[in-house]
Amino acid sequence: MISGSASAVVVTTGLNTEFGKIAEHLKFRPPETEFEHGVKQFGYFLMIVTLVLVMAILAINIYFKRSLLDSVLFSLALAVGLTRNCCL
């Protein structure tokens, strides 16, 4: 085991330290690029298409008097499958 003692002089604290400067710099986000905006819009589009398909298939299954539980589970499985395949 090693032991000892030391003395230190604190020169700056808070935002004036290097760590504080980094933390202050991280507050500012760069503006969204056109590509990032397009990717976000495409993601919203895929989400809407998935929701419409799931609701349509659920409605069709209920119309044909399939079991409600089976219809909901099938629609949920479809939503998961569509989400998984489009995001790989």
N, C-alpha and C. Protein backbone atom coordinates (compact mmCIF):
# COMPACT_ATOMS: atom_id res chain seq x y z
N MET A 1 0.84 -1.18 0.00
CA MET A 1 0.00 0.00 0.00
C MET A 1 0.89 1.24 0.00
N ILE A 2 0.47 2.22 -0.80
CA ILE A 2 1.22 3.47 -0.88
C ILE A 2 0.40 4.56 -0.24
N SER A 3 1.04 5.38 0.54
CA SER A 3 0.33 6.49 1.17
C SER A 3 1.18 7.73 1.08
N GLY A 4 0.58 8.86 1.34
CA GLY A 4 1.31 10.11 1.28
C GLY A 4 0.38 11.28 1.49
N SER A 5 0.88 12.45 1.26
CA SER A 5 0.07 13.65 1.40
C SER A 5 0.43 14.61 0.27
N ALA A 6 -0.45 15.53 0.02
CA ALA A 6 -0.22 16.48 -1.06
C ALA A 6 -0.95 17.78 -0.77
N SER A 7 -0.53 18.80 -1.44
CA SER A 7 -1.19 20.11 -1.36
C SER A 7 -1.55 20.53 -2.78
N ALA A 8 -2.65 21.25 -2.91
CA ALA A 8 -3.08 21.70 -4.23
C ALA A 8 -3.59 23.13 -4.13
N VAL A 9 -3.43 23.86 -5.22
CA VAL A 9 -3.95 25.22 -5.31
C VAL A 9 -5.03 25.23 -6.39
N VAL A 10 -6.24 25.61 -6.03
CA VAL A 10 -7.34 25.69 -6.99
C VAL A 10 -7.27 27.06 -7.66
N VAL A 11 -7.12 27.04 -8.98
CA VAL A 11 -6.97 28.28 -9.73
C VAL A 11 -8.32 28.76 -10.27
N THR A 12 -9.11 27.84 -10.84
CA THR A 12 -10.42 28.19 -11.37
C THR A 12 -11.43 27.12 -10.99
N THR A 13 -12.70 27.50 -11.02
CA THR A 13 -13.78 26.54 -10.72
C THR A 13 -14.91 26.76 -11.71
N GLY A 14 -15.81 25.79 -11.75
CA GLY A 14 -17.03 25.91 -12.54
C GLY A 14 -16.78 25.98 -14.03
N LEU A 15 -17.43 26.95 -14.69
CA LEU A 15 -17.34 27.07 -16.15
C LEU A 15 -15.98 27.59 -16.62
N ASN A 16 -15.16 28.08 -15.71
CA ASN A 16 -13.85 28.59 -16.11
C ASN A 16 -12.81 27.48 -16.27
N THR A 17 -13.13 26.26 -15.85
CA THR A 17 -12.20 25.14 -16.03
C THR A 17 -12.31 24.60 -17.45
N GLU A 18 -11.38 23.77 -17.84
CA GLU A 18 -11.43 23.16 -19.18
C GLU A 18 -12.68 22.29 -19.31
N PHE A 19 -13.00 21.55 -18.26
CA PHE A 19 -14.20 20.72 -18.28
C PHE A 19 -15.45 21.58 -18.42
N GLY A 20 -15.48 22.70 -17.73
CA GLY A 20 -16.60 23.62 -17.82
C GLY A 20 -16.74 24.23 -19.20
N LYS A 21 -15.61 24.52 -19.86
CA LYS A 21 -15.65 25.06 -21.22
C LYS A 21 -16.21 24.03 -22.20
N ILE A 22 -15.83 22.77 -22.00
CA ILE A 22 -16.36 21.70 -22.86
C ILE A 22 -17.86 21.56 -22.63
N ALA A 23 -18.29 21.59 -21.38
CA ALA A 23 -19.71 21.48 -21.07
C ALA A 23 -20.49 22.64 -21.67
N GLU A 24 -19.95 23.83 -21.63
CA GLU A 24 -20.61 25.00 -22.21
C GLU A 24 -20.70 24.87 -23.73
N HIS A 25 -19.65 24.33 -24.34
CA HIS A 25 -19.63 24.15 -25.79
C HIS A 25 -20.67 23.12 -26.25
N LEU A 26 -20.92 22.12 -25.42
CA LEU A 26 -21.88 21.07 -25.78
C LEU A 26 -23.32 21.54 -25.73
N LYS A 27 -23.59 22.69 -25.15
CA LYS A 27 -24.95 23.22 -25.11
C LYS A 27 -25.44 23.60 -26.50
N PHE A 28 -24.53 24.01 -27.35
CA PHE A 28 -24.91 24.49 -28.67
C PHE A 28 -24.86 23.36 -29.68
N ARG A 29 -25.98 23.14 -30.36
CA ARG A 29 -26.05 22.12 -31.40
C ARG A 29 -25.89 22.77 -32.75
N PRO A 30 -25.16 22.11 -33.65
CA PRO A 30 -25.05 22.68 -34.99
C PRO A 30 -26.41 22.63 -35.68
N PRO A 31 -26.67 23.53 -36.62
CA PRO A 31 -27.96 23.51 -37.31
C PRO A 31 -28.14 22.21 -38.09
N GLU A 32 -29.40 21.79 -38.20
CA GLU A 32 -29.72 20.55 -38.91
C GLU A 32 -29.43 20.71 -40.40
N THR A 33 -28.73 19.72 -40.95
CA THR A 33 -28.43 19.77 -42.38
C THR A 33 -29.65 19.34 -43.19
N GLU A 34 -29.59 19.60 -44.46
CA GLU A 34 -30.68 19.22 -45.36
C GLU A 34 -30.85 17.70 -45.39
N PHE A 35 -29.73 16.96 -45.33
CA PHE A 35 -29.78 15.51 -45.32
C PHE A 35 -30.47 15.00 -44.05
N GLU A 36 -30.10 15.55 -42.89
CA GLU A 36 -30.73 15.14 -41.64
C GLU A 36 -32.23 15.44 -41.64
N HIS A 37 -32.58 16.56 -42.20
CA HIS A 37 -34.01 16.92 -42.30
C HIS A 37 -34.74 15.92 -43.19
N GLY A 38 -34.13 15.55 -44.32
CA GLY A 38 -34.74 14.58 -45.23
C GLY A 38 -34.90 13.21 -44.59
N VAL A 39 -33.88 12.78 -43.84
CA VAL A 39 -33.95 11.48 -43.16
C VAL A 39 -35.07 11.49 -42.12
N LYS A 40 -35.19 12.60 -41.40
CA LYS A 40 -36.25 12.71 -40.38
C LYS A 40 -37.63 12.67 -41.04
N GLN A 41 -37.80 13.38 -42.14
CA GLN A 41 -39.08 13.38 -42.86
C GLN A 41 -39.41 12.00 -43.40
N PHE A 42 -38.40 11.29 -43.92
CA PHE A 42 -38.62 9.94 -44.43
C PHE A 42 -39.02 8.99 -43.30
N GLY A 43 -38.42 9.16 -42.15
CA GLY A 43 -38.79 8.35 -40.98
C GLY A 43 -40.23 8.57 -40.57
N TYR A 44 -40.66 9.84 -40.58
CA TYR A 44 -42.06 10.14 -40.26
C TYR A 44 -43.00 9.52 -41.30
N PHE A 45 -42.60 9.58 -42.57
CA PHE A 45 -43.40 8.99 -43.64
C PHE A 45 -43.55 7.48 -43.43
N LEU A 46 -42.44 6.80 -43.12
CA LEU A 46 -42.51 5.35 -42.88
C LEU A 46 -43.39 5.03 -41.68
N MET A 47 -43.33 5.87 -40.65
CA MET A 47 -44.14 5.65 -39.47
C MET A 47 -45.62 5.76 -39.81
N ILE A 48 -45.99 6.75 -40.60
CA ILE A 48 -47.39 6.95 -40.97
C ILE A 48 -47.88 5.79 -41.85
N VAL A 49 -47.06 5.37 -42.81
CA VAL A 49 -47.44 4.25 -43.68
C VAL A 49 -47.63 2.99 -42.85
N THR A 50 -46.74 2.75 -41.90
CA THR A 50 -46.86 1.56 -41.04
C THR A 50 -48.14 1.62 -40.22
N LEU A 51 -48.43 2.77 -39.63
CA LEU A 51 -49.65 2.89 -38.83
C LEU A 51 -50.91 2.70 -39.67
N VAL A 52 -50.92 3.26 -40.87
CA VAL A 52 -52.09 3.11 -41.75
C VAL A 52 -52.28 1.64 -42.14
N LEU A 53 -51.17 0.97 -42.49
CA LEU A 53 -51.28 -0.46 -42.84
C LEU A 53 -51.77 -1.30 -41.68
N VAL A 54 -51.25 -1.03 -40.50
CA VAL A 54 -51.66 -1.81 -39.32
C VAL A 54 -53.14 -1.58 -39.02
N MET A 55 -53.58 -0.34 -39.07
CA MET A 55 -54.99 -0.06 -38.80
C MET A 55 -55.90 -0.67 -39.87
N ALA A 56 -55.47 -0.61 -41.13
CA ALA A 56 -56.28 -1.17 -42.21
C ALA A 56 -56.40 -2.69 -42.06
N ILE A 57 -55.30 -3.35 -41.77
CA ILE A 57 -55.34 -4.81 -41.62
C ILE A 57 -56.15 -5.20 -40.40
N LEU A 58 -56.05 -4.44 -39.32
CA LEU A 58 -56.86 -4.71 -38.13
C LEU A 58 -58.34 -4.55 -38.47
N ALA A 59 -58.69 -3.50 -39.19
CA ALA A 59 -60.09 -3.27 -39.56
C ALA A 59 -60.60 -4.38 -40.48
N ILE A 60 -59.78 -4.80 -41.43
CA ILE A 60 -60.19 -5.88 -42.35
C ILE A 60 -60.41 -7.18 -41.60
N ASN A 61 -59.51 -7.50 -40.66
CA ASN A 61 -59.66 -8.73 -39.87
C ASN A 61 -60.93 -8.68 -39.02
N ILE A 62 -61.22 -7.54 -38.45
CA ILE A 62 -62.44 -7.41 -37.65
C ILE A 62 -63.67 -7.50 -38.55
N TYR A 63 -63.61 -6.92 -39.74
CA TYR A 63 -64.72 -6.98 -40.69
C TYR A 63 -65.05 -8.43 -41.05
N PHE A 64 -64.02 -9.24 -41.20
CA PHE A 64 -64.24 -10.65 -41.55
C PHE A 64 -64.47 -11.52 -40.32
N LYS A 65 -64.75 -10.87 -39.18
CA LYS A 65 -65.13 -11.52 -37.93
C LYS A 65 -64.06 -12.50 -37.42
N ARG A 66 -62.82 -12.10 -37.57
CA ARG A 66 -61.73 -12.88 -36.97
C ARG A 66 -61.68 -12.53 -35.47
N SER A 67 -61.01 -13.34 -34.70
CA SER A 67 -60.88 -13.09 -33.27
C SER A 67 -60.18 -11.74 -33.04
N LEU A 68 -60.70 -10.95 -32.11
CA LEU A 68 -60.13 -9.63 -31.83
C LEU A 68 -58.70 -9.76 -31.32
N LEU A 69 -58.46 -10.70 -30.43
CA LEU A 69 -57.12 -10.89 -29.90
C LEU A 69 -56.15 -11.30 -31.01
N ASP A 70 -56.56 -12.23 -31.85
CA ASP A 70 -55.69 -12.65 -32.95
C ASP A 70 -55.43 -11.50 -33.92
N SER A 71 -56.45 -10.69 -34.17
CA SER A 71 -56.29 -9.56 -35.08
C SER A 71 -55.32 -8.52 -34.52
N VAL A 72 -55.45 -8.23 -33.24
CA VAL A 72 -54.55 -7.27 -32.60
C VAL A 72 -53.12 -7.80 -32.59
N LEU A 73 -52.95 -9.06 -32.25
CA LEU A 73 -51.61 -9.64 -32.22
C LEU A 73 -50.99 -9.69 -33.62
N PHE A 74 -51.79 -10.01 -34.62
CA PHE A 74 -51.30 -10.03 -35.99
C PHE A 74 -50.87 -8.63 -36.43
N SER A 75 -51.68 -7.63 -36.11
CA SER A 75 -51.35 -6.25 -36.46
C SER A 75 -50.09 -5.78 -35.74
N LEU A 76 -49.96 -6.16 -34.49
CA LEU A 76 -48.76 -5.81 -33.73
C LEU A 76 -47.53 -6.48 -34.32
N ALA A 77 -47.65 -7.74 -34.68
CA ALA A 77 -46.53 -8.46 -35.30
C ALA A 77 -46.16 -7.83 -36.64
N LEU A 78 -47.16 -7.41 -37.39
CA LEU A 78 -46.90 -6.74 -38.66
C LEU A 78 -46.16 -5.42 -38.44
N ALA A 79 -46.58 -4.65 -37.46
CA ALA A 79 -45.93 -3.37 -37.16
C ALA A 79 -44.47 -3.59 -36.76
N VAL A 80 -44.23 -4.58 -35.93
CA VAL A 80 -42.86 -4.88 -35.50
C VAL A 80 -42.03 -5.33 -36.70
N GLY A 81 -42.61 -6.18 -37.54
CA GLY A 81 -41.89 -6.66 -38.71
C GLY A 81 -41.56 -5.55 -39.68
N LEU A 82 -42.52 -4.66 -39.93
CA LEU A 82 -42.27 -3.54 -40.84
C LEU A 82 -41.21 -2.60 -40.27
N THR A 83 -41.28 -2.34 -38.99
CA THR A 83 -40.31 -1.45 -38.35
C THR A 83 -38.93 -2.08 -38.38
N ARG A 84 -38.85 -3.34 -38.11
CA ARG A 84 -37.55 -4.02 -38.08
C ARG A 84 -36.93 -4.06 -39.47
N ASN A 85 -37.72 -4.34 -40.50
CA ASN A 85 -37.16 -4.45 -41.85
C ASN A 85 -36.78 -3.10 -42.43
N CYS A 86 -37.50 -2.05 -42.10
CA CYS A 86 -37.17 -0.75 -42.71
C CYS A 86 -36.00 -0.08 -42.01
N CYS A 87 -35.67 -0.50 -40.83
CA CYS A 87 -34.63 0.20 -40.07
C CYS A 87 -33.30 -0.56 -40.04
N LEU A 88 -33.16 -1.62 -40.78
CA LEU A 88 -31.90 -2.37 -40.79
C LEU A 88 -30.91 -1.76 -41.74
